[in-house]
Amino acid sequence: MELPRKICTCGDRECPFNPANHDQGCTLCIEKNLKAGEIPSCFFHKYLPENPDRTGYTYVDFAREVMQAEYK
């Protein structure tokens, strides 16, 4: 499972769901986020560079940031 470890942009290496900490790829992270009603941080990092003002990782947070980025 080297590929998920290479492409993972999450900086939280202490998170037990981070692909760097197990051999199940992105599955555990995605499952955790779906249960929490959130989007994995890699989506934010891919589409939107680091935002120090980010308040959360919910679907609404992602939509808000995309809309703000698209209509600046």
PDB file of N, CA and C in Angstrom:
ATOM      1  N   MET A   1       0.829  -1.203   0.000  1.00  0.00           N
ATOM      2  CA  MET A   1       0.000   0.000   0.000  1.00  0.00           C
ATOM      3  C   MET A   1       0.864   1.254   0.000  1.00  0.00           C
ATOM      4  N   GLU A   2       1.868   1.297  -0.775  1.00  0.00           N
ATOM      5  CA  GLU A   2       2.761   2.448  -0.786  1.00  0.00           C
ATOM      6  C   GLU A   2       2.106   3.675  -1.400  1.00  0.00           C
ATOM      7  N   LEU A   3       1.263   3.518  -2.411  1.00  0.00           N
ATOM      8  CA  LEU A   3       0.671   4.663  -3.091  1.00  0.00           C
ATOM      9  C   LEU A   3      -0.129   5.572  -2.165  1.00  0.00           C
ATOM     10  N   PRO A   4      -1.087   5.077  -1.345  1.00  0.00           N
ATOM     11  CA  PRO A   4      -1.805   5.991  -0.455  1.00  0.00           C
ATOM     12  C   PRO A   4      -0.881   6.741   0.489  1.00  0.00           C
ATOM     13  N   ARG A   5       0.168   6.104   0.930  1.00  0.00           N
ATOM     14  CA  ARG A   5       1.106   6.779   1.820  1.00  0.00           C
ATOM     15  C   ARG A   5       1.810   7.915   1.099  1.00  0.00           C
ATOM     16  N   LYS A   6       2.099   7.731  -0.184  1.00  0.00           N
ATOM     17  CA  LYS A   6       2.786   8.759  -0.964  1.00  0.00           C
ATOM     18  C   LYS A   6       1.875   9.924  -1.309  1.00  0.00           C
ATOM     19  N   ILE A   7       0.593   9.651  -1.583  1.00  0.00           N
ATOM     20  CA  ILE A   7      -0.303  10.726  -2.020  1.00  0.00           C
ATOM     21  C   ILE A   7      -1.042  11.406  -0.878  1.00  0.00           C
ATOM     22  N   CYS A   8      -0.985  10.838   0.308  1.00  0.00           N
ATOM     23  CA  CYS A   8      -1.709  11.423   1.432  1.00  0.00           C
ATOM     24  C   CYS A   8      -1.102  12.777   1.791  1.00  0.00           C
ATOM     25  N   THR A   9      -1.941  13.805   1.804  1.00  0.00           N
ATOM     26  CA  THR A   9      -1.468  15.161   2.106  1.00  0.00           C
ATOM     27  C   THR A   9      -1.802  15.587   3.531  1.00  0.00           C
ATOM     28  N   CYS A  10      -2.368  14.691   4.303  1.00  0.00           N
ATOM     29  CA  CYS A  10      -2.712  15.025   5.679  1.00  0.00           C
ATOM     30  C   CYS A  10      -1.437  15.156   6.504  1.00  0.00           C
ATOM     31  N   GLY A  11      -1.322  16.235   7.211  1.00  0.00           N
ATOM     32  CA  GLY A  11      -0.144  16.463   8.033  1.00  0.00           C
ATOM     33  C   GLY A  11      -0.226  15.836   9.409  1.00  0.00           C
ATOM     34  N   ASP A  12      -1.372  15.257   9.745  1.00  0.00           N
ATOM     35  CA  ASP A  12      -1.555  14.673  11.071  1.00  0.00           C
ATOM     36  C   ASP A  12      -1.085  13.221  11.066  1.00  0.00           C
ATOM     37  N   ARG A  13       0.220  13.032  11.199  1.00  0.00           N
ATOM     38  CA  ARG A  13       0.798  11.690  11.179  1.00  0.00           C
ATOM     39  C   ARG A  13       0.522  10.914  12.453  1.00  0.00           C
ATOM     40  N   GLU A  14       0.000  11.565  13.479  1.00  0.00           N
ATOM     41  CA  GLU A  14      -0.341  10.864  14.717  1.00  0.00           C
ATOM     42  C   GLU A  14      -1.745  10.266  14.663  1.00  0.00           C
ATOM     43  N   CYS A  15      -2.530  10.662  13.674  1.00  0.00           N
ATOM     44  CA  CYS A  15      -3.887  10.133  13.528  1.00  0.00           C
ATOM     45  C   CYS A  15      -3.813   8.644  13.201  1.00  0.00           C
ATOM     46  N   PRO A  16      -4.544   7.815  13.943  1.00  0.00           N
ATOM     47  CA  PRO A  16      -4.487   6.377  13.682  1.00  0.00           C
ATOM     48  C   PRO A  16      -5.070   5.990  12.326  1.00  0.00           C
ATOM     49  N   PHE A  17      -5.831   6.896  11.700  1.00  0.00           N
ATOM     50  CA  PHE A  17      -6.456   6.606  10.412  1.00  0.00           C
ATOM     51  C   PHE A  17      -5.584   7.027   9.229  1.00  0.00           C
ATOM     52  N   ASN A  18      -4.489   7.724   9.482  1.00  0.00           N
ATOM     53  CA  ASN A  18      -3.589   8.160   8.425  1.00  0.00           C
ATOM     54  C   ASN A  18      -2.955   6.932   7.770  1.00  0.00           C
ATOM     55  N   PRO A  19      -2.934   6.867   6.435  1.00  0.00           N
ATOM     56  CA  PRO A  19      -2.362   5.703   5.744  1.00  0.00           C
ATOM     57  C   PRO A  19      -0.922   5.393   6.124  1.00  0.00           C
ATOM     58  N   ALA A  20      -0.211   6.353   6.673  1.00  0.00           N
ATOM     59  CA  ALA A  20       1.171   6.102   7.097  1.00  0.00           C
ATOM     60  C   ALA A  20       1.228   5.202   8.327  1.00  0.00           C
ATOM     61  N   ASN A  21       0.083   5.015   8.999  1.00  0.00           N
ATOM     62  CA  ASN A  21       0.075   4.278  10.266  1.00  0.00           C
ATOM     63  C   ASN A  21      -0.541   2.888  10.204  1.00  0.00           C
ATOM     64  N   HIS A  22      -0.867   2.415   9.012  1.00  0.00           N
ATOM     65  CA  HIS A  22      -1.442   1.074   8.864  1.00  0.00           C
ATOM     66  C   HIS A  22      -1.323   0.645   7.407  1.00  0.00           C
ATOM     67  N   ASP A  23      -1.830  -0.526   7.085  1.00  0.00           N
ATOM     68  CA  ASP A  23      -1.698  -1.035   5.720  1.00  0.00           C
ATOM     69  C   ASP A  23      -3.043  -1.116   4.988  1.00  0.00           C
ATOM     70  N   GLN A  24      -4.015  -0.287   5.381  1.00  0.00           N
ATOM     71  CA  GLN A  24      -5.341  -0.340   4.766  1.00  0.00           C
ATOM     72  C   GLN A  24      -5.617   0.848   3.842  1.00  0.00           C
ATOM     73  N   GLY A  25      -4.584   1.557   3.452  1.00  0.00           N
ATOM     74  CA  GLY A  25      -4.757   2.666   2.523  1.00  0.00           C
ATOM     75  C   GLY A  25      -5.622   3.772   3.105  1.00  0.00           C
ATOM     76  N   CYS A  26      -6.447   4.358   2.279  1.00  0.00           N
ATOM     77  CA  CYS A  26      -7.289   5.492   2.680  1.00  0.00           C
ATOM     78  C   CYS A  26      -8.611   5.068   3.321  1.00  0.00           C
ATOM     79  N   THR A  27      -8.898   3.783   3.310  1.00  0.00           N
ATOM     80  CA  THR A  27     -10.201   3.285   3.763  1.00  0.00           C
ATOM     81  C   THR A  27     -10.570   3.750   5.167  1.00  0.00           C
ATOM     82  N   LEU A  28      -9.684   3.610   6.126  1.00  0.00           N
ATOM     83  CA  LEU A  28     -10.012   3.971   7.507  1.00  0.00           C
ATOM     84  C   LEU A  28     -10.298   5.465   7.644  1.00  0.00           C
ATOM     85  N   CYS A  29      -9.534   6.282   6.951  1.00  0.00           N
ATOM     86  CA  CYS A  29      -9.739   7.730   6.990  1.00  0.00           C
ATOM     87  C   CYS A  29     -11.097   8.090   6.384  1.00  0.00           C
ATOM     88  N   ILE A  30     -11.397   7.519   5.247  1.00  0.00           N
ATOM     89  CA  ILE A  30     -12.666   7.816   4.577  1.00  0.00           C
ATOM     90  C   ILE A  30     -13.839   7.354   5.434  1.00  0.00           C
ATOM     91  N   GLU A  31     -13.754   6.166   6.015  1.00  0.00           N
ATOM     92  CA  GLU A  31     -14.824   5.674   6.886  1.00  0.00           C
ATOM     93  C   GLU A  31     -15.048   6.620   8.062  1.00  0.00           C
ATOM     94  N   LYS A  32     -13.958   7.066   8.698  1.00  0.00           N
ATOM     95  CA  LYS A  32     -14.061   7.970   9.845  1.00  0.00           C
ATOM     96  C   LYS A  32     -14.743   9.276   9.423  1.00  0.00           C
ATOM     97  N   ASN A  33     -14.333   9.816   8.286  1.00  0.00           N
ATOM     98  CA  ASN A  33     -14.908  11.073   7.826  1.00  0.00           C
ATOM     99  C   ASN A  33     -16.373  10.931   7.436  1.00  0.00           C
ATOM    100  N   LEU A  34     -16.734   9.856   6.790  1.00  0.00           N
ATOM    101  CA  LEU A  34     -18.141   9.644   6.430  1.00  0.00           C
ATOM    102  C   LEU A  34     -19.017   9.577   7.673  1.00  0.00           C
ATOM    103  N   LYS A  35     -18.548   8.868   8.693  1.00  0.00           N
ATOM    104  CA  LYS A  35     -19.310   8.775   9.942  1.00  0.00           C
ATOM    105  C   LYS A  35     -19.461  10.133  10.618  1.00  0.00           C
ATOM    106  N   ALA A  36     -18.447  10.987  10.483  1.00  0.00           N
ATOM    107  CA  ALA A  36     -18.463  12.303  11.123  1.00  0.00           C
ATOM    108  C   ALA A  36     -19.124  13.380  10.264  1.00  0.00           C
ATOM    109  N   GLY A  37     -19.544  13.021   9.045  1.00  0.00           N
ATOM    110  CA  GLY A  37     -20.136  14.014   8.146  1.00  0.00           C
ATOM    111  C   GLY A  37     -19.099  15.008   7.648  1.00  0.00           C
ATOM    112  N   GLU A  38     -17.883  14.520   7.463  1.00  0.00           N
ATOM    113  CA  GLU A  38     -16.793  15.383   7.033  1.00  0.00           C
ATOM    114  C   GLU A  38     -16.182  14.878   5.727  1.00  0.00           C
ATOM    115  N   ILE A  39     -15.335  15.725   5.162  1.00  0.00           N
ATOM    116  CA  ILE A  39     -14.591  15.397   3.960  1.00  0.00           C
ATOM    117  C   ILE A  39     -13.126  15.268   4.369  1.00  0.00           C
ATOM    118  N   PRO A  40     -12.426  14.238   3.893  1.00  0.00           N
ATOM    119  CA  PRO A  40     -11.017  14.094   4.251  1.00  0.00           C
ATOM    120  C   PRO A  40     -10.212  15.348   3.892  1.00  0.00           C
ATOM    121  N   SER A  41      -9.217  15.630   4.699  1.00  0.00           N
ATOM    122  CA  SER A  41      -8.431  16.848   4.493  1.00  0.00           C
ATOM    123  C   SER A  41      -7.735  16.872   3.143  1.00  0.00           C
ATOM    124  N   CYS A  42      -7.474  15.708   2.548  1.00  0.00           N
ATOM    125  CA  CYS A  42      -6.807  15.680   1.243  1.00  0.00           C
ATOM    126  C   CYS A  42      -7.639  16.382   0.169  1.00  0.00           C
ATOM    127  N   PHE A  43      -8.966  16.364   0.291  1.00  0.00           N
ATOM    128  CA  PHE A  43      -9.801  17.082  -0.666  1.00  0.00           C
ATOM    129  C   PHE A  43      -9.574  18.579  -0.535  1.00  0.00           C
ATOM    130  N   PHE A  44      -9.524  19.057   0.698  1.00  0.00           N
ATOM    131  CA  PHE A  44      -9.254  20.473   0.933  1.00  0.00           C
ATOM    132  C   PHE A  44      -7.871  20.838   0.401  1.00  0.00           C
ATOM    133  N   HIS A  45      -6.876  20.009   0.702  1.00  0.00           N
ATOM    134  CA  HIS A  45      -5.503  20.304   0.305  1.00  0.00           C
ATOM    135  C   HIS A  45      -5.327  20.276  -1.200  1.00  0.00           C
ATOM    136  N   LYS A  46      -6.032  19.388  -1.893  1.00  0.00           N
ATOM    137  CA  LYS A  46      -5.899  19.279  -3.347  1.00  0.00           C
ATOM    138  C   LYS A  46      -6.533  20.473  -4.041  1.00  0.00           C
ATOM    139  N   TYR A  47      -7.736  20.810  -3.652  1.00  0.00           N
ATOM    140  CA  TYR A  47      -8.466  21.875  -4.331  1.00  0.00           C
ATOM    141  C   TYR A  47      -8.122  23.248  -3.776  1.00  0.00           C
ATOM    142  N   LEU A  48      -7.947  23.313  -2.483  1.00  0.00           N
ATOM    143  CA  LEU A  48      -7.709  24.589  -1.815  1.00  0.00           C
ATOM    144  C   LEU A  48      -6.423  24.510  -1.006  1.00  0.00           C
ATOM    145  N   PRO A  49      -5.438  25.312  -1.326  1.00  0.00           N
ATOM    146  CA  PRO A  49      -4.205  25.289  -0.534  1.00  0.00           C
ATOM    147  C   PRO A  49      -4.514  25.565   0.940  1.00  0.00           C
ATOM    148  N   GLU A  50      -3.553  25.324   1.762  1.00  0.00           N
ATOM    149  CA  GLU A  50      -3.747  25.516   3.208  1.00  0.00           C
ATOM    150  C   GLU A  50      -4.446  26.833   3.512  1.00  0.00           C
ATOM    151  N   ASN A  51      -5.455  26.740   4.315  1.00  0.00           N
ATOM    152  CA  ASN A  51      -6.221  27.906   4.730  1.00  0.00           C
ATOM    153  C   ASN A  51      -6.118  28.006   6.246  1.00  0.00           C
ATOM    154  N   PRO A  52      -5.330  28.935   6.752  1.00  0.00           N
ATOM    155  CA  PRO A  52      -5.174  29.035   8.206  1.00  0.00           C
ATOM    156  C   PRO A  52      -6.461  29.419   8.926  1.00  0.00           C
ATOM    157  N   ASP A  53      -7.452  29.926   8.191  1.00  0.00           N
ATOM    158  CA  ASP A  53      -8.718  30.325   8.798  1.00  0.00           C
ATOM    159  C   ASP A  53      -9.759  29.212   8.781  1.00  0.00           C
ATOM    160  N   ARG A  54      -9.388  28.030   8.287  1.00  0.00           N
ATOM    161  CA  ARG A  54     -10.344  26.916   8.179  1.00  0.00           C
ATOM    162  C   ARG A  54     -10.882  26.579   9.563  1.00  0.00           C
ATOM    163  N   THR A  55     -12.195  26.442   9.633  1.00  0.00           N
ATOM    164  CA  THR A  55     -12.816  26.153  10.926  1.00  0.00           C
ATOM    165  C   THR A  55     -13.262  24.703  11.048  1.00  0.00           C
ATOM    166  N   GLY A  56     -13.346  23.996   9.945  1.00  0.00           N
ATOM    167  CA  GLY A  56     -13.785  22.614  10.011  1.00  0.00           C
ATOM    168  C   GLY A  56     -13.649  21.910   8.684  1.00  0.00           C
ATOM    169  N   TYR A  57     -14.074  20.663   8.668  1.00  0.00           N
ATOM    170  CA  TYR A  57     -13.952  19.827   7.485  1.00  0.00           C
ATOM    171  C   TYR A  57     -15.298  19.235   7.053  1.00  0.00           C
ATOM    172  N   THR A  58     -16.390  19.901   7.396  1.00  0.00           N
ATOM    173  CA  THR A  58     -17.703  19.395   7.010  1.00  0.00           C
ATOM    174  C   THR A  58     -17.946  19.646   5.521  1.00  0.00           C
ATOM    175  N   TYR A  59     -18.998  19.042   5.002  1.00  0.00           N
ATOM    176  CA  TYR A  59     -19.386  19.265   3.607  1.00  0.00           C
ATOM    177  C   TYR A  59     -19.644  20.753   3.372  1.00  0.00           C
ATOM    178  N   VAL A  60     -20.293  21.395   4.327  1.00  0.00           N
ATOM    179  CA  VAL A  60     -20.607  22.822   4.209  1.00  0.00           C
ATOM    180  C   VAL A  60     -19.324  23.651   4.210  1.00  0.00           C
ATOM    181  N   ASP A  61     -18.367  23.297   5.059  1.00  0.00           N
ATOM    182  CA  ASP A  61     -17.089  24.006   5.080  1.00  0.00           C
ATOM    183  C   ASP A  61     -16.401  23.913   3.722  1.00  0.00           C
ATOM    184  N   PHE A  62     -16.407  22.713   3.134  1.00  0.00           N
ATOM    185  CA  PHE A  62     -15.773  22.524   1.835  1.00  0.00           C
ATOM    186  C   PHE A  62     -16.502  23.337   0.762  1.00  0.00           C
ATOM    187  N   ALA A  63     -17.816  23.256   0.756  1.00  0.00           N
ATOM    188  CA  ALA A  63     -18.593  24.003  -0.232  1.00  0.00           C
ATOM    189  C   ALA A  63     -18.355  25.507  -0.104  1.00  0.00           C
ATOM    190  N   ARG A  64     -18.312  25.986   1.123  1.00  0.00           N
ATOM    191  CA  ARG A  64     -18.077  27.413   1.360  1.00  0.00           C
ATOM    192  C   ARG A  64     -16.717  27.832   0.795  1.00  0.00           C
ATOM    193  N   GLU A  65     -15.694  27.044   1.080  1.00  0.00           N
ATOM    194  CA  GLU A  65     -14.348  27.390   0.606  1.00  0.00           C
ATOM    195  C   GLU A  65     -14.265  27.328  -0.916  1.00  0.00           C
ATOM    196  N   VAL A  66     -14.910  26.336  -1.515  1.00  0.00           N
ATOM    197  CA  VAL A  66     -14.901  26.250  -2.982  1.00  0.00           C
ATOM    198  C   VAL A  66     -15.592  27.464  -3.575  1.00  0.00           C
ATOM    199  N   MET A  67     -16.742  27.825  -3.035  1.00  0.00           N
ATOM    200  CA  MET A  67     -17.474  28.983  -3.556  1.00  0.00           C
ATOM    201  C   MET A  67     -16.654  30.266  -3.392  1.00  0.00           C
ATOM    202  N   GLN A  68     -16.011  30.411  -2.263  1.00  0.00           N
ATOM    203  CA  GLN A  68     -15.202  31.618  -2.043  1.00  0.00           C
ATOM    204  C   GLN A  68     -14.032  31.657  -3.004  1.00  0.00           C
ATOM    205  N   ALA A  69     -13.407  30.504  -3.260  1.00  0.00           N
ATOM    206  CA  ALA A  69     -12.265  30.454  -4.166  1.00  0.00           C
ATOM    207  C   ALA A  69     -12.682  30.731  -5.607  1.00  0.00           C
ATOM    208  N   GLU A  70     -13.846  30.218  -5.988  1.00  0.00           N
ATOM    209  CA  GLU A  70     -14.323  30.373  -7.362  1.00  0.00           C
ATOM    210  C   GLU A  70     -14.815  31.786  -7.665  1.00  0.00           C
ATOM    211  N   TYR A  71     -15.312  32.482  -6.655  1.00  0.00           N
ATOM    212  CA  TYR A  71     -15.940  33.782  -6.892  1.00  0.00           C
ATOM    213  C   TYR A  71     -15.193  34.916  -6.216  1.00  0.00           C
ATOM    214  N   LYS A  72     -13.875  34.819  -6.128  1.00  0.00           N
ATOM    215  CA  LYS A  72     -13.062  35.914  -5.574  1.00  0.00           C
ATOM    216  C   LYS A  72     -12.963  37.028  -6.588  1.00  0.00           C
TER     217      LYS A  72
END
